[in-house]
Amino acid sequence: MSRGKVRQFSWTYEGQAKKAWGFTVTIDGKRVRRAGFGSRAEATEALDLLLHPAPAVAPAPVVENITLKAAFERYEAQKARKRSLVADQRNAKCLMSVFGEDTPLHKITASKISAYRASRIALPITPAAVNRPLALLRHLLRLAAEEWEVIPEAPRVRLEKESQGRLRWLTPEEAHQLLDACRAHQGAPLADLVELCLYTGLRQAEALGLTWDRVDRSRGVLLLEITKAGRRREVPLCGPADAVLAHLAGPGTPAGLVFGTSSWTMFRKAWEKALGAAKLQGLHFHDLRHTFASWAVQRGATLPELKDLLGHATLAMVMRYAHLSPEHLRSAVARLDTVMAAATGRNRAEEMVDSAPRRVSAMRAVSSVGRAADS
């Protein structure tokens, strides 16, 4: 094998002089010539790569003794601060009961996962119930392959398609009925909690965990430090929401939790009685958040604005409310109103221009006939 030589090549193509960098080298008795590089450095790099190819990457080692149970223990240690860790632990027990807690992780193959998925689909459960354990297993296997490097690669895990989910929201009349029922069954605390969530879109945990030092009425915002998405966000206050906080604050400078407790247990029974009295069966507290979003969209809020108001990371989470705001579709369709009319107007103008010579000729003919008759 020769060292090779980098040089500039020149040739003529269709009467024009062309230049480019390239190299020639002899490998195993065969002469190799490459050209077309824009600079000497590019040609040199290509030559070095040809003479000294990068070594093949060795596959990641397989740790035979890491079991599914050991993998989940490592996962729990790594995700100790995850808010939904309890749900993950519940799903992990389900997976270990099916695949075996002592099963080596690399023996959980795509075919075995597919068979497990098929057995779950056959049960009378929702697609979401099918997907939660599968999603956990997929995440675990990807961690094991890509981060822990204890298996060569993660097998494919297919999830079931899920619908957008339930969307229940209150009309203003239903909201009045609910608030009246709340006042009747627990007085101000529950009614204030419900009304604040209706006008801010706060989650139940966000409202119950709200402290007075996070309430900035001078700026008209609530400062949320801990949210489901794990990011700080400011929630603007409308007039009714500010009125609720003014009522709760009372005289002096309040301190501590706005609603006095962070436990929903203190409100649960009164909430259920209020739903019965208001005849709103099947309503969940989280539907107050849906109500806030629906009211906002129906009154002109855009989907990007709603995303920020609710604290979602992507627009995908608010697309379920898009059908409540058909105005942008109506305005788009309204642009078509004059399409045919404009074309018809142009056609008529063209007909008038084309027919003008004929009308002049006809008028001249009539005039000449009239003159002949007079003579």
Protein backbone atom coordinates (compact mmCIF):
# COMPACT_ATOMS: atom_id res chain seq x y z
CA MET A 1 0.00 0.00 0.00
CA SER A 2 1.43 3.39 -1.01
CA ARG A 3 1.09 6.57 1.06
CA GLY A 4 -0.88 8.26 -1.69
CA LYS A 5 -0.53 11.74 -3.09
CA VAL A 6 -2.89 14.69 -2.77
CA ARG A 7 -2.89 17.13 -5.67
CA GLN A 8 -5.07 19.43 -7.71
CA PHE A 9 -6.70 18.01 -10.83
CA SER A 10 -7.77 20.11 -13.81
CA TRP A 11 -9.91 19.27 -16.85
CA THR A 12 -12.11 20.87 -19.46
CA TYR A 13 -15.86 20.32 -19.64
CA GLU A 14 -17.99 21.87 -22.40
CA GLY A 15 -15.26 24.37 -23.15
CA GLN A 16 -14.83 25.46 -19.54
CA ALA A 17 -11.77 24.79 -17.38
CA LYS A 18 -12.54 22.90 -14.16
CA LYS A 19 -10.34 22.37 -11.09
CA ALA A 20 -10.72 20.23 -7.97
CA TRP A 21 -8.56 18.55 -5.35
CA GLY A 22 -8.11 14.80 -5.21
CA PHE A 23 -5.64 12.00 -4.56
CA THR A 24 -4.19 8.83 -6.06
CA VAL A 25 -3.13 5.84 -4.02
CA THR A 26 -2.30 2.17 -4.59
CA ILE A 27 -4.10 -0.29 -2.30
CA ASP A 28 -3.51 -4.06 -2.63
CA GLY A 29 -1.96 -3.54 -6.06
CA LYS A 30 -4.91 -1.51 -7.34
CA ARG A 31 -4.59 2.15 -8.23
CA VAL A 32 -7.36 4.26 -6.65
CA ARG A 33 -8.06 7.78 -7.83
CA ARG A 34 -10.57 10.15 -6.22
CA ALA A 35 -11.31 13.74 -7.16
CA GLY A 36 -13.98 16.38 -6.68
CA PHE A 37 -12.96 17.77 -3.27
CA GLY A 38 -13.22 21.50 -2.73
CA SER A 39 -9.94 21.91 -0.85
CA ARG A 40 -6.66 20.17 -0.06
CA ALA A 41 -7.82 19.59 3.54
CA GLU A 42 -10.95 17.71 2.41
CA ALA A 43 -8.93 15.53 0.04
CA THR A 44 -6.33 14.80 2.74
CA GLU A 45 -9.02 13.84 5.24
CA ALA A 46 -10.66 11.49 2.73
CA LEU A 47 -7.30 9.89 1.94
CA ASP A 48 -6.50 9.34 5.63
CA LEU A 49 -9.90 7.77 6.17
CA LEU A 50 -9.32 5.43 3.23
CA LEU A 51 -5.87 4.40 4.46
CA HIS A 52 -6.83 4.21 8.13
CA PRO A 53 -10.52 3.30 8.43
CA ALA A 54 -12.15 3.73 11.83
CA PRO A 55 -12.33 0.49 13.79
CA ALA A 56 -15.71 -1.19 14.02
CA VAL A 57 -17.61 -0.25 17.16
CA ALA A 58 -17.88 -3.22 19.47
CA PRO A 59 -21.43 -4.06 20.55
CA ALA A 60 -22.40 -3.09 24.06
CA PRO A 61 -21.72 -5.86 26.54
CA VAL A 62 -24.58 -7.92 27.87
CA VAL A 63 -24.69 -8.25 31.63
CA GLU A 64 -26.16 -11.70 32.07
CA ASN A 65 -26.97 -11.34 35.74
CA ILE A 66 -29.04 -8.13 35.68
CA THR A 67 -32.61 -9.25 36.24
CA LEU A 68 -35.86 -7.44 35.69
CA LYS A 69 -36.18 -6.91 39.43
CA ALA A 70 -32.65 -5.48 39.70
CA ALA A 71 -33.35 -3.20 36.74
CA PHE A 72 -36.49 -1.84 38.37
CA GLU A 73 -34.62 -1.28 41.64
CA ARG A 74 -32.03 0.74 39.75
CA TYR A 75 -34.83 2.62 37.97
CA GLU A 76 -36.55 3.52 41.26
CA ALA A 77 -33.28 4.79 42.73
CA GLN A 78 -32.71 6.94 39.64
CA LYS A 79 -36.30 8.26 39.60
CA ALA A 80 -36.67 8.79 43.35
CA ARG A 81 -38.04 12.33 42.85
CA LYS A 82 -40.50 11.42 40.12
CA ARG A 83 -44.01 12.55 41.04
CA SER A 84 -45.65 9.42 39.58
CA LEU A 85 -43.18 6.93 41.07
CA VAL A 86 -45.93 5.18 43.06
CA ALA A 87 -47.79 4.42 39.83
CA ASP A 88 -44.54 3.16 38.28
CA GLN A 89 -43.98 0.84 41.23
CA ARG A 90 -47.49 -0.55 40.82
CA ASN A 91 -46.93 -1.19 37.11
CA ALA A 92 -43.49 -2.67 37.81
CA LYS A 93 -45.06 -5.31 40.09
CA CYS A 94 -47.50 -6.18 37.32
CA LEU A 95 -44.68 -6.58 34.78
CA MET A 96 -42.53 -8.67 37.12
CA SER A 97 -45.46 -11.00 37.80
CA VAL A 98 -45.83 -11.59 34.04
CA PHE A 99 -42.20 -11.75 32.85
CA GLY A 100 -40.67 -13.03 36.10
CA GLU A 101 -38.61 -10.87 38.44
CA ASP A 102 -35.55 -13.13 38.03
CA THR A 103 -35.68 -13.07 34.23
CA PRO A 104 -32.47 -11.62 32.70
CA LEU A 105 -33.29 -8.29 31.12
CA HIS A 106 -31.85 -9.20 27.71
CA LYS A 107 -34.27 -12.14 27.47
CA ILE A 108 -37.31 -9.86 27.44
CA THR A 109 -37.64 -9.82 23.66
CA ALA A 110 -39.97 -8.00 21.29
CA SER A 111 -41.96 -11.19 20.65
CA LYS A 112 -42.57 -11.72 24.38
CA ILE A 113 -43.61 -8.09 24.80
CA SER A 114 -45.96 -8.41 21.81
CA ALA A 115 -47.57 -11.51 23.34
CA TYR A 116 -48.05 -9.66 26.64
CA ARG A 117 -49.59 -6.70 24.80
CA ALA A 118 -52.01 -9.04 22.98
CA SER A 119 -53.10 -10.61 26.27
CA ARG A 120 -53.81 -7.15 27.71
CA ILE A 121 -55.78 -6.06 24.67
CA ALA A 122 -58.02 -9.11 25.06
CA LEU A 123 -59.09 -7.88 28.51
CA PRO A 124 -62.02 -5.46 28.98
CA ILE A 125 -59.72 -2.52 29.79
CA THR A 126 -59.04 0.83 28.16
CA PRO A 127 -56.11 1.48 25.78
CA ALA A 128 -54.61 3.68 28.51
CA ALA A 129 -54.59 0.73 30.93
CA VAL A 130 -52.87 -1.36 28.26
CA ASN A 131 -50.27 1.31 27.59
CA ARG A 132 -49.12 2.37 31.06
CA PRO A 133 -47.15 -0.80 31.92
CA LEU A 134 -45.88 -1.02 28.33
CA ALA A 135 -44.66 2.58 28.41
CA LEU A 136 -42.81 1.91 31.66
CA LEU A 137 -41.19 -1.23 30.23
CA ARG A 138 -40.17 0.64 27.07
CA HIS A 139 -38.55 3.39 29.12
CA LEU A 140 -36.76 0.88 31.33
CA LEU A 141 -35.34 -1.02 28.35
CA ARG A 142 -34.18 2.17 26.64
CA LEU A 143 -32.40 3.25 29.81
CA ALA A 144 -30.77 -0.16 30.05
CA ALA A 145 -29.55 -0.01 26.44
CA GLU A 146 -28.68 3.66 25.93
CA GLU A 147 -27.66 4.91 29.37
CA TRP A 148 -26.74 1.93 31.52
CA GLU A 149 -25.33 -0.06 28.57
CA VAL A 150 -26.25 -3.42 30.07
CA ILE A 151 -28.12 -4.78 27.02
CA PRO A 152 -27.13 -4.46 23.33
CA GLU A 153 -30.32 -2.69 22.24
CA ALA A 154 -33.86 -2.06 23.41
CA PRO A 155 -36.53 -4.23 21.76
CA ARG A 156 -39.41 -2.49 20.06
CA VAL A 157 -42.48 -1.84 22.22
CA ARG A 158 -45.67 -0.83 20.42
CA LEU A 159 -48.40 1.09 22.25
CA GLU A 160 -52.12 1.13 21.61
CA LYS A 161 -53.64 4.25 20.09
CA GLU A 162 -55.47 6.28 22.71
CA SER A 163 -58.35 8.66 22.17
CA GLN A 164 -58.12 12.31 23.27
CA GLY A 165 -59.98 11.37 26.41
CA ARG A 166 -62.93 12.70 28.30
CA LEU A 167 -63.79 16.39 27.99
CA ARG A 168 -66.55 17.58 30.34
CA TRP A 169 -67.10 21.25 31.02
CA LEU A 170 -69.77 23.34 32.71
CA THR A 171 -72.08 25.89 31.18
CA PRO A 172 -72.34 29.17 33.13
CA GLU A 173 -75.78 28.03 34.37
CA GLU A 174 -74.36 24.73 35.64
CA ALA A 175 -71.49 26.60 37.31
CA HIS A 176 -73.99 28.79 39.20
CA GLN A 177 -75.88 25.67 40.32
CA LEU A 178 -72.64 24.07 41.52
CA LEU A 179 -71.48 27.14 43.45
CA ASP A 180 -74.89 27.52 45.14
CA ALA A 181 -74.81 23.86 46.16
CA CYS A 182 -71.24 24.20 47.50
CA ARG A 183 -72.24 27.17 49.65
CA ALA A 184 -75.20 25.21 50.98
CA HIS A 185 -73.16 22.16 51.99
CA GLN A 186 -69.93 23.63 53.34
CA GLY A 187 -70.25 27.35 53.15
CA ALA A 188 -67.49 29.55 51.80
CA PRO A 189 -64.35 27.31 51.76
CA LEU A 190 -65.50 24.80 49.15
CA ALA A 191 -67.32 27.43 47.06
CA ASP A 192 -64.23 29.66 47.10
CA LEU A 193 -62.01 26.75 46.05
CA VAL A 194 -64.34 25.83 43.18
CA GLU A 195 -64.72 29.43 42.00
CA LEU A 196 -60.97 30.10 42.06
CA CYS A 197 -60.32 26.99 39.94
CA LEU A 198 -63.09 27.94 37.51
CA TYR A 199 -61.50 31.34 36.90
CA THR A 200 -57.80 30.34 36.91
CA GLY A 201 -57.67 26.76 35.59
CA LEU A 202 -55.60 25.63 38.59
CA ARG A 203 -55.26 21.93 39.21
CA GLN A 204 -56.68 20.68 42.50
CA ALA A 205 -53.21 20.12 44.01
CA GLU A 206 -52.01 23.53 42.80
CA ALA A 207 -54.98 25.31 44.42
CA LEU A 208 -54.79 23.41 47.71
CA GLY A 209 -51.01 23.85 47.90
CA LEU A 210 -51.21 27.59 47.21
CA THR A 211 -49.72 29.76 49.97
CA TRP A 212 -50.29 33.46 50.56
CA ASP A 213 -46.69 34.37 49.81
CA ARG A 214 -47.34 33.08 46.27
CA VAL A 215 -50.31 35.43 45.81
CA ASP A 216 -49.34 38.76 44.23
CA ARG A 217 -52.58 40.73 43.97
CA SER A 218 -50.74 43.96 43.19
CA ARG A 219 -49.54 42.42 39.93
CA GLY A 220 -52.64 40.28 39.55
CA VAL A 221 -50.88 36.91 39.39
CA LEU A 222 -50.38 33.68 41.28
CA LEU A 223 -46.79 32.41 41.40
CA LEU A 224 -46.72 28.62 41.18
CA GLU A 225 -43.41 27.08 42.21
CA ILE A 226 -44.34 23.40 41.97
CA THR A 227 -46.47 22.31 39.02
CA LYS A 228 -47.16 19.03 37.29
CA ALA A 229 -44.76 19.97 34.50
CA GLY A 230 -42.05 20.78 37.06
CA ARG A 231 -41.71 24.41 35.91
CA ARG A 232 -42.54 27.71 37.60
CA ARG A 233 -45.39 29.61 36.05
CA GLU A 234 -47.47 32.70 36.66
CA VAL A 235 -51.25 32.46 36.55
CA PRO A 236 -53.03 35.76 35.79
CA LEU A 237 -56.03 36.72 37.91
CA CYS A 238 -59.27 37.97 36.42
CA GLY A 239 -61.70 40.09 38.46
CA PRO A 240 -63.78 37.23 39.97
CA ALA A 241 -60.64 35.27 40.89
CA ASP A 242 -59.15 38.32 42.63
CA ALA A 243 -62.45 38.85 44.46
CA VAL A 244 -62.28 35.29 45.83
CA LEU A 245 -58.77 35.92 47.17
CA ALA A 246 -59.81 39.27 48.66
CA HIS A 247 -62.65 37.51 50.48
CA LEU A 248 -60.33 34.78 51.77
CA ALA A 249 -57.60 37.22 52.87
CA GLY A 250 -59.75 39.29 55.17
CA PRO A 251 -58.13 41.94 57.37
CA GLY A 252 -54.39 41.95 58.07
CA THR A 253 -51.64 40.12 56.24
CA PRO A 254 -52.56 36.46 55.71
CA ALA A 255 -50.00 33.67 55.97
CA GLY A 256 -49.84 29.95 55.34
CA LEU A 257 -52.07 27.98 53.00
CA VAL A 258 -54.78 29.95 51.22
CA PHE A 259 -57.41 27.28 51.94
CA GLY A 260 -56.04 26.23 55.32
CA THR A 261 -55.27 22.65 54.25
CA SER A 262 -53.62 20.85 51.38
CA SER A 263 -55.77 17.74 51.88
CA TRP A 264 -58.70 17.12 49.53
CA THR A 265 -60.19 14.82 52.18
CA MET A 266 -61.49 17.89 54.03
CA PHE A 267 -63.62 18.80 51.01
CA ARG A 268 -64.49 15.45 49.43
CA LYS A 269 -67.80 14.67 51.16
CA ALA A 270 -69.14 18.20 50.75
CA TRP A 271 -68.13 18.12 47.07
CA GLU A 272 -70.01 14.87 46.48
CA LYS A 273 -73.12 16.22 48.25
CA ALA A 274 -72.95 19.43 46.23
CA LEU A 275 -72.78 17.46 42.97
CA GLY A 276 -75.88 15.53 43.97
CA ALA A 277 -77.77 18.68 44.93
CA ALA A 278 -76.78 20.41 41.67
CA LYS A 279 -77.68 17.25 39.69
CA LEU A 280 -74.25 17.16 38.04
CA GLN A 281 -73.53 13.45 38.12
CA GLY A 282 -70.20 12.26 36.74
CA LEU A 283 -68.48 15.63 37.16
CA HIS A 284 -64.87 15.46 38.37
CA PHE A 285 -63.02 18.28 40.11
CA HIS A 286 -60.52 18.34 37.23
CA ASP A 287 -63.44 19.25 34.95
CA LEU A 288 -63.27 22.75 36.47
CA ARG A 289 -59.94 23.11 34.65
CA HIS A 290 -61.61 21.94 31.42
CA THR A 291 -64.33 24.50 32.05
CA PHE A 292 -61.81 27.33 32.41
CA ALA A 293 -60.13 26.27 29.15
CA SER A 294 -63.43 25.92 27.29
CA TRP A 295 -64.73 29.29 28.45
CA ALA A 296 -61.44 30.97 27.50
CA VAL A 297 -61.42 29.49 23.99
CA GLN A 298 -65.09 30.26 23.40
CA ARG A 299 -64.38 33.89 24.27
CA GLY A 300 -61.50 34.33 21.87
CA ALA A 301 -58.36 32.94 23.53
CA THR A 302 -55.99 31.39 21.00
CA LEU A 303 -54.56 27.92 21.49
CA PRO A 304 -51.00 29.24 22.12
CA GLU A 305 -52.45 31.58 24.76
CA LEU A 306 -54.38 28.71 26.33
CA LYS A 307 -51.21 26.59 26.39
CA ASP A 308 -49.48 29.25 28.48
CA LEU A 309 -52.51 29.80 30.72
CA LEU A 310 -52.74 26.08 31.55
CA GLY A 311 -48.98 25.62 31.81
CA HIS A 312 -48.69 22.93 29.14
CA ALA A 313 -45.36 22.28 27.41
CA THR A 314 -46.77 21.73 23.91
CA LEU A 315 -49.78 22.70 21.81
CA ALA A 316 -50.75 19.03 21.50
CA MET A 317 -52.21 19.14 25.02
CA VAL A 318 -54.66 21.93 24.14
CA MET A 319 -55.73 20.71 20.71
CA ARG A 320 -58.72 18.99 22.35
CA TYR A 321 -60.25 22.46 22.79
CA ALA A 322 -59.77 23.51 19.16
CA HIS A 323 -63.30 22.51 18.13
CA LEU A 324 -64.70 25.05 20.62
CA SER A 325 -63.20 27.92 18.63
CA PRO A 326 -64.51 27.63 15.04
CA GLU A 327 -64.15 31.36 14.37
CA HIS A 328 -60.72 31.05 12.76
CA LEU A 329 -62.16 28.38 10.44
CA ARG A 330 -65.15 30.56 9.62
CA SER A 331 -62.90 33.49 8.77
CA ALA A 332 -60.78 31.25 6.57
CA VAL A 333 -63.85 30.00 4.71
CA ALA A 334 -65.26 33.53 4.46
CA ARG A 335 -62.32 34.45 2.24
CA LEU A 336 -63.87 32.27 -0.44
CA ASP A 337 -67.11 34.26 -0.52
CA THR A 338 -65.99 36.58 -3.33
CA VAL A 339 -63.89 34.16 -5.38
CA MET A 340 -66.57 33.43 -7.98
CA ALA A 341 -67.99 36.93 -7.73
CA ALA A 342 -64.65 38.44 -8.66
CA ALA A 343 -64.29 36.06 -11.59
CA THR A 344 -67.85 36.88 -12.71
CA GLY A 345 -67.10 40.60 -12.53
CA ARG A 346 -64.02 40.19 -14.72
CA ASN A 347 -65.96 38.12 -17.24
CA ARG A 348 -68.68 40.75 -17.47
CA ALA A 349 -66.12 43.50 -17.98
CA GLU A 350 -64.45 41.47 -20.71
CA GLU A 351 -67.82 40.87 -22.39
CA MET A 352 -68.53 44.60 -22.33
CA VAL A 353 -65.16 45.37 -23.93
CA ASP A 354 -65.63 42.67 -26.59
CA SER A 355 -69.18 43.74 -27.41
CA ALA A 356 -68.39 47.47 -27.64
CA PRO A 357 -67.30 47.35 -31.34
CA ARG A 358 -70.40 45.35 -32.19
CA ARG A 359 -72.63 47.88 -30.43
CA VAL A 360 -70.93 50.77 -32.28
CA SER A 361 -71.38 48.98 -35.63
CA ALA A 362 -75.03 48.32 -34.87
CA MET A 363 -75.60 51.94 -33.92
CA ARG A 364 -73.93 53.11 -37.15
CA ALA A 365 -76.08 50.72 -39.18
CA VAL A 366 -79.25 52.02 -37.54
CA SER A 367 -78.10 55.58 -38.12
CA SER A 368 -77.38 54.95 -41.80
CA VAL A 369 -80.78 53.31 -42.26
CA GLY A 370 -82.40 56.32 -40.66
CA ARG A 371 -80.54 58.73 -42.96
CA ALA A 372 -81.55 56.66 -46.03
CA ALA A 373 -85.17 56.79 -44.98
CA ASP A 374 -85.04 60.56 -44.49
CA SER A 375 -83.59 61.07 -47.95
